[in-house]
PDB file of N, CA and C in Angstrom:
ATOM      1  N   MET A   1      -6.587  -7.904 -22.479  1.00  0.00           N
ATOM      2  CA  MET A   1      -6.246  -6.605 -21.925  1.00  0.00           C
ATOM      3  C   MET A   1      -4.995  -6.686 -21.058  1.00  0.00           C
ATOM      4  N   ASP A   2      -4.836  -7.766 -20.311  1.00  0.00           N
ATOM      5  CA  ASP A   2      -3.646  -7.908 -19.486  1.00  0.00           C
ATOM      6  C   ASP A   2      -2.373  -7.918 -20.326  1.00  0.00           C
ATOM      7  N   ASP A   3      -2.438  -8.497 -21.525  1.00  0.00           N
ATOM      8  CA  ASP A   3      -1.273  -8.517 -22.401  1.00  0.00           C
ATOM      9  C   ASP A   3      -0.883  -7.110 -22.811  1.00  0.00           C
ATOM     10  N   GLU A   4      -1.867  -6.256 -23.051  1.00  0.00           N
ATOM     11  CA  GLU A   4      -1.572  -4.875 -23.425  1.00  0.00           C
ATOM     12  C   GLU A   4      -0.891  -4.134 -22.282  1.00  0.00           C
ATOM     13  N   ILE A   5      -1.356  -4.352 -21.087  1.00  0.00           N
ATOM     14  CA  ILE A   5      -0.765  -3.693 -19.927  1.00  0.00           C
ATOM     15  C   ILE A   5       0.665  -4.188 -19.718  1.00  0.00           C
ATOM     16  N   ALA A   6       0.881  -5.471 -19.804  1.00  0.00           N
ATOM     17  CA  ALA A   6       2.210  -6.043 -19.621  1.00  0.00           C
ATOM     18  C   ALA A   6       3.171  -5.528 -20.684  1.00  0.00           C
ATOM     19  N   ALA A   7       2.700  -5.314 -21.886  1.00  0.00           N
ATOM     20  CA  ALA A   7       3.561  -4.853 -22.968  1.00  0.00           C
ATOM     21  C   ALA A   7       4.012  -3.409 -22.758  1.00  0.00           C
ATOM     22  N   THR A   8       3.241  -2.628 -22.011  1.00  0.00           N
ATOM     23  CA  THR A   8       3.601  -1.229 -21.819  1.00  0.00           C
ATOM     24  C   THR A   8       4.483  -1.002 -20.604  1.00  0.00           C
ATOM     25  N   ILE A   9       4.653  -2.026 -19.775  1.00  0.00           N
ATOM     26  CA  ILE A   9       5.490  -1.887 -18.582  1.00  0.00           C
ATOM     27  C   ILE A   9       6.927  -2.198 -18.956  1.00  0.00           C
ATOM     28  N   ASP A  10       7.806  -1.212 -18.776  1.00  0.00           N
ATOM     29  CA  ASP A  10       9.220  -1.395 -19.082  1.00  0.00           C
ATOM     30  C   ASP A  10       9.933  -1.940 -17.864  1.00  0.00           C
ATOM     31  N   GLU A  11      11.075  -2.567 -18.116  1.00  0.00           N
ATOM     32  CA  GLU A  11      11.905  -3.008 -17.006  1.00  0.00           C
ATOM     33  C   GLU A  11      12.423  -1.763 -16.293  1.00  0.00           C
ATOM     34  N   PRO A  12      12.708  -1.874 -15.000  1.00  0.00           N
ATOM     35  CA  PRO A  12      13.218  -0.711 -14.286  1.00  0.00           C
ATOM     36  C   PRO A  12      14.541  -0.246 -14.888  1.00  0.00           C
ATOM     37  N   THR A  13      14.706   1.053 -14.978  1.00  0.00           N
ATOM     38  CA  THR A  13      15.934   1.593 -15.542  1.00  0.00           C
ATOM     39  C   THR A  13      17.011   1.662 -14.475  1.00  0.00           C
ATOM     40  N   VAL A  14      18.248   1.538 -14.907  1.00  0.00           N
ATOM     41  CA  VAL A  14      19.389   1.574 -13.997  1.00  0.00           C
ATOM     42  C   VAL A  14      19.877   3.008 -13.902  1.00  0.00           C
ATOM     43  N   ASP A  15      20.209   3.455 -12.693  1.00  0.00           N
ATOM     44  CA  ASP A  15      20.766   4.793 -12.496  1.00  0.00           C
ATOM     45  C   ASP A  15      22.285   4.700 -12.617  1.00  0.00           C
ATOM     46  N   TYR A  16      22.762   4.800 -13.858  1.00  0.00           N
ATOM     47  CA  TYR A  16      24.188   4.648 -14.110  1.00  0.00           C
ATOM     48  C   TYR A  16      25.015   5.764 -13.491  1.00  0.00           C
ATOM     49  N   SER A  17      24.425   6.902 -13.192  1.00  0.00           N
ATOM     50  CA  SER A  17      25.194   8.029 -12.656  1.00  0.00           C
ATOM     51  C   SER A  17      25.791   7.739 -11.282  1.00  0.00           C
ATOM     52  N   SER A  18      25.255   6.733 -10.597  1.00  0.00           N
ATOM     53  CA  SER A  18      25.786   6.398  -9.273  1.00  0.00           C
ATOM     54  C   SER A  18      27.000   5.472  -9.358  1.00  0.00           C
ATOM     55  N   TYR A  19      27.322   4.989 -10.545  1.00  0.00           N
ATOM     56  CA  TYR A  19      28.469   4.107 -10.740  1.00  0.00           C
ATOM     57  C   TYR A  19      29.730   4.903 -11.065  1.00  0.00           C
ATOM     58  N   THR A  20      30.891   4.311 -10.770  1.00  0.00           N
ATOM     59  CA  THR A  20      32.164   4.929 -11.177  1.00  0.00           C
ATOM     60  C   THR A  20      32.410   4.603 -12.646  1.00  0.00           C
ATOM     61  N   VAL A  21      33.341   5.313 -13.264  1.00  0.00           N
ATOM     62  CA  VAL A  21      33.670   5.050 -14.663  1.00  0.00           C
ATOM     63  C   VAL A  21      34.186   3.620 -14.813  1.00  0.00           C
ATOM     64  N   ALA A  22      34.993   3.153 -13.863  1.00  0.00           N
ATOM     65  CA  ALA A  22      35.516   1.783 -13.929  1.00  0.00           C
ATOM     66  C   ALA A  22      34.374   0.766 -13.890  1.00  0.00           C
ATOM     67  N   GLN A  23      33.391   1.011 -13.046  1.00  0.00           N
ATOM     68  CA  GLN A  23      32.244   0.104 -12.967  1.00  0.00           C
ATOM     69  C   GLN A  23      31.444   0.144 -14.267  1.00  0.00           C
ATOM     70  N   LEU A  24      31.264   1.335 -14.822  1.00  0.00           N
ATOM     71  CA  LEU A  24      30.525   1.477 -16.080  1.00  0.00           C
ATOM     72  C   LEU A  24      31.248   0.755 -17.215  1.00  0.00           C
ATOM     73  N   LYS A  25      32.581   0.868 -17.254  1.00  0.00           N
ATOM     74  CA  LYS A  25      33.349   0.181 -18.289  1.00  0.00           C
ATOM     75  C   LYS A  25      33.207  -1.324 -18.143  1.00  0.00           C
ATOM     76  N   SER A  26      33.175  -1.803 -16.928  1.00  0.00           N
ATOM     77  CA  SER A  26      32.993  -3.234 -16.682  1.00  0.00           C
ATOM     78  C   SER A  26      31.623  -3.689 -17.184  1.00  0.00           C
ATOM     79  N   ILE A  27      30.597  -2.904 -16.897  1.00  0.00           N
ATOM     80  CA  ILE A  27      29.241  -3.215 -17.373  1.00  0.00           C
ATOM     81  C   ILE A  27      29.209  -3.207 -18.900  1.00  0.00           C
ATOM     82  N   ALA A  28      29.859  -2.210 -19.495  1.00  0.00           N
ATOM     83  CA  ALA A  28      29.893  -2.113 -20.952  1.00  0.00           C
ATOM     84  C   ALA A  28      30.606  -3.318 -21.554  1.00  0.00           C
ATOM     85  N   ASP A  29      31.722  -3.732 -20.945  1.00  0.00           N
ATOM     86  CA  ASP A  29      32.460  -4.896 -21.439  1.00  0.00           C
ATOM     87  C   ASP A  29      31.598  -6.150 -21.389  1.00  0.00           C
ATOM     88  N   GLU A  30      30.891  -6.337 -20.280  1.00  0.00           N
ATOM     89  CA  GLU A  30      30.035  -7.516 -20.120  1.00  0.00           C
ATOM     90  C   GLU A  30      28.867  -7.494 -21.107  1.00  0.00           C
ATOM     91  N   SER A  31      28.425  -6.286 -21.485  1.00  0.00           N
ATOM     92  CA  SER A  31      27.277  -6.144 -22.382  1.00  0.00           C
ATOM     93  C   SER A  31      27.681  -6.109 -23.848  1.00  0.00           C
ATOM     94  N   GLY A  32      28.981  -6.085 -24.116  1.00  0.00           N
ATOM     95  CA  GLY A  32      29.457  -6.035 -25.493  1.00  0.00           C
ATOM     96  C   GLY A  32      29.393  -4.657 -26.115  1.00  0.00           C
ATOM     97  N   VAL A  33      29.311  -3.620 -25.289  1.00  0.00           N
ATOM     98  CA  VAL A  33      29.263  -2.250 -25.779  1.00  0.00           C
ATOM     99  C   VAL A  33      30.692  -1.775 -26.035  1.00  0.00           C
ATOM    100  N   GLU A  34      30.958  -1.301 -27.241  1.00  0.00           N
ATOM    101  CA  GLU A  34      32.293  -0.812 -27.573  1.00  0.00           C
ATOM    102  C   GLU A  34      32.394   0.675 -27.268  1.00  0.00           C
ATOM    103  N   TYR A  35      33.572   1.095 -26.810  1.00  0.00           N
ATOM    104  CA  TYR A  35      33.805   2.491 -26.443  1.00  0.00           C
ATOM    105  C   TYR A  35      35.303   2.771 -26.500  1.00  0.00           C
ATOM    106  N   PRO A  36      35.683   4.031 -26.762  1.00  0.00           N
ATOM    107  CA  PRO A  36      37.106   4.376 -26.734  1.00  0.00           C
ATOM    108  C   PRO A  36      37.624   4.396 -25.294  1.00  0.00           C
ATOM    109  N   SER A  37      38.894   4.139 -25.103  1.00  0.00           N
ATOM    110  CA  SER A  37      39.458   4.047 -23.756  1.00  0.00           C
ATOM    111  C   SER A  37      39.369   5.365 -22.988  1.00  0.00           C
ATOM    112  N   ASN A  38      39.310   6.482 -23.703  1.00  0.00           N
ATOM    113  CA  ASN A  38      39.269   7.789 -23.038  1.00  0.00           C
ATOM    114  C   ASN A  38      37.856   8.369 -22.969  1.00  0.00           C
ATOM    115  N   ILE A  39      36.845   7.524 -23.011  1.00  0.00           N
ATOM    116  CA  ILE A  39      35.450   7.984 -23.014  1.00  0.00           C
ATOM    117  C   ILE A  39      35.101   8.674 -21.696  1.00  0.00           C
ATOM    118  N   LYS A  40      34.287   9.708 -21.810  1.00  0.00           N
ATOM    119  CA  LYS A  40      33.815  10.416 -20.612  1.00  0.00           C
ATOM    120  C   LYS A  40      32.635   9.678 -20.019  1.00  0.00           C
ATOM    121  N   LYS A  41      32.436   9.852 -18.719  1.00  0.00           N
ATOM    122  CA  LYS A  41      31.379   9.145 -17.999  1.00  0.00           C
ATOM    123  C   LYS A  41      30.009   9.376 -18.640  1.00  0.00           C
ATOM    124  N   ALA A  42      29.689  10.606 -18.958  1.00  0.00           N
ATOM    125  CA  ALA A  42      28.375  10.920 -19.538  1.00  0.00           C
ATOM    126  C   ALA A  42      28.187  10.222 -20.878  1.00  0.00           C
ATOM    127  N   ASP A  43      29.253  10.153 -21.675  1.00  0.00           N
ATOM    128  CA  ASP A  43      29.164   9.494 -22.975  1.00  0.00           C
ATOM    129  C   ASP A  43      28.997   7.978 -22.813  1.00  0.00           C
ATOM    130  N   LEU A  44      29.683   7.427 -21.826  1.00  0.00           N
ATOM    131  CA  LEU A  44      29.566   5.995 -21.570  1.00  0.00           C
ATOM    132  C   LEU A  44      28.161   5.654 -21.078  1.00  0.00           C
ATOM    133  N   ILE A  45      27.615   6.492 -20.224  1.00  0.00           N
ATOM    134  CA  ILE A  45      26.239   6.298 -19.737  1.00  0.00           C
ATOM    135  C   ILE A  45      25.268   6.331 -20.924  1.00  0.00           C
ATOM    136  N   ALA A  46      25.462   7.282 -21.825  1.00  0.00           N
ATOM    137  CA  ALA A  46      24.591   7.378 -23.000  1.00  0.00           C
ATOM    138  C   ALA A  46      24.663   6.114 -23.842  1.00  0.00           C
ATOM    139  N   LYS A  47      25.859   5.577 -24.040  1.00  0.00           N
ATOM    140  CA  LYS A  47      26.013   4.338 -24.819  1.00  0.00           C
ATOM    141  C   LYS A  47      25.299   3.178 -24.130  1.00  0.00           C
ATOM    142  N   LEU A  48      25.447   3.082 -22.817  1.00  0.00           N
ATOM    143  CA  LEU A  48      24.803   1.995 -22.080  1.00  0.00           C
ATOM    144  C   LEU A  48      23.275   2.120 -22.135  1.00  0.00           C
ATOM    145  N   GLU A  49      22.778   3.340 -22.060  1.00  0.00           N
ATOM    146  CA  GLU A  49      21.328   3.544 -22.119  1.00  0.00           C
ATOM    147  C   GLU A  49      20.773   3.236 -23.503  1.00  0.00           C
ATOM    148  N   GLU A  50      21.567   3.528 -24.539  1.00  0.00           N
ATOM    149  CA  GLU A  50      21.156   3.200 -25.912  1.00  0.00           C
ATOM    150  C   GLU A  50      21.036   1.692 -26.086  1.00  0.00           C
ATOM    151  N   GLN A  51      21.970   0.976 -25.486  1.00  0.00           N
ATOM    152  CA  GLN A  51      22.037  -0.476 -25.629  1.00  0.00           C
ATOM    153  C   GLN A  51      20.901  -1.163 -24.876  1.00  0.00           C
ATOM    154  N   ALA A  52      20.444  -0.558 -23.793  1.00  0.00           N
ATOM    155  CA  ALA A  52      19.415  -1.190 -22.949  1.00  0.00           C
ATOM    156  C   ALA A  52      18.063  -1.251 -23.598  1.00  0.00           C
TER     157      ALA A  52
END
């Protein structure tokens, strides 16, 4: 039963909205997430959340 409980607990989610676009791009670069240079903050956050 403990294994079932552990499997349903997700890692804490990151609140990307508190980061600047430059910080988000740095996180994306480190994570290997590709994005266009003119990406909007909301779109970059969505890409990072998809990758997580």
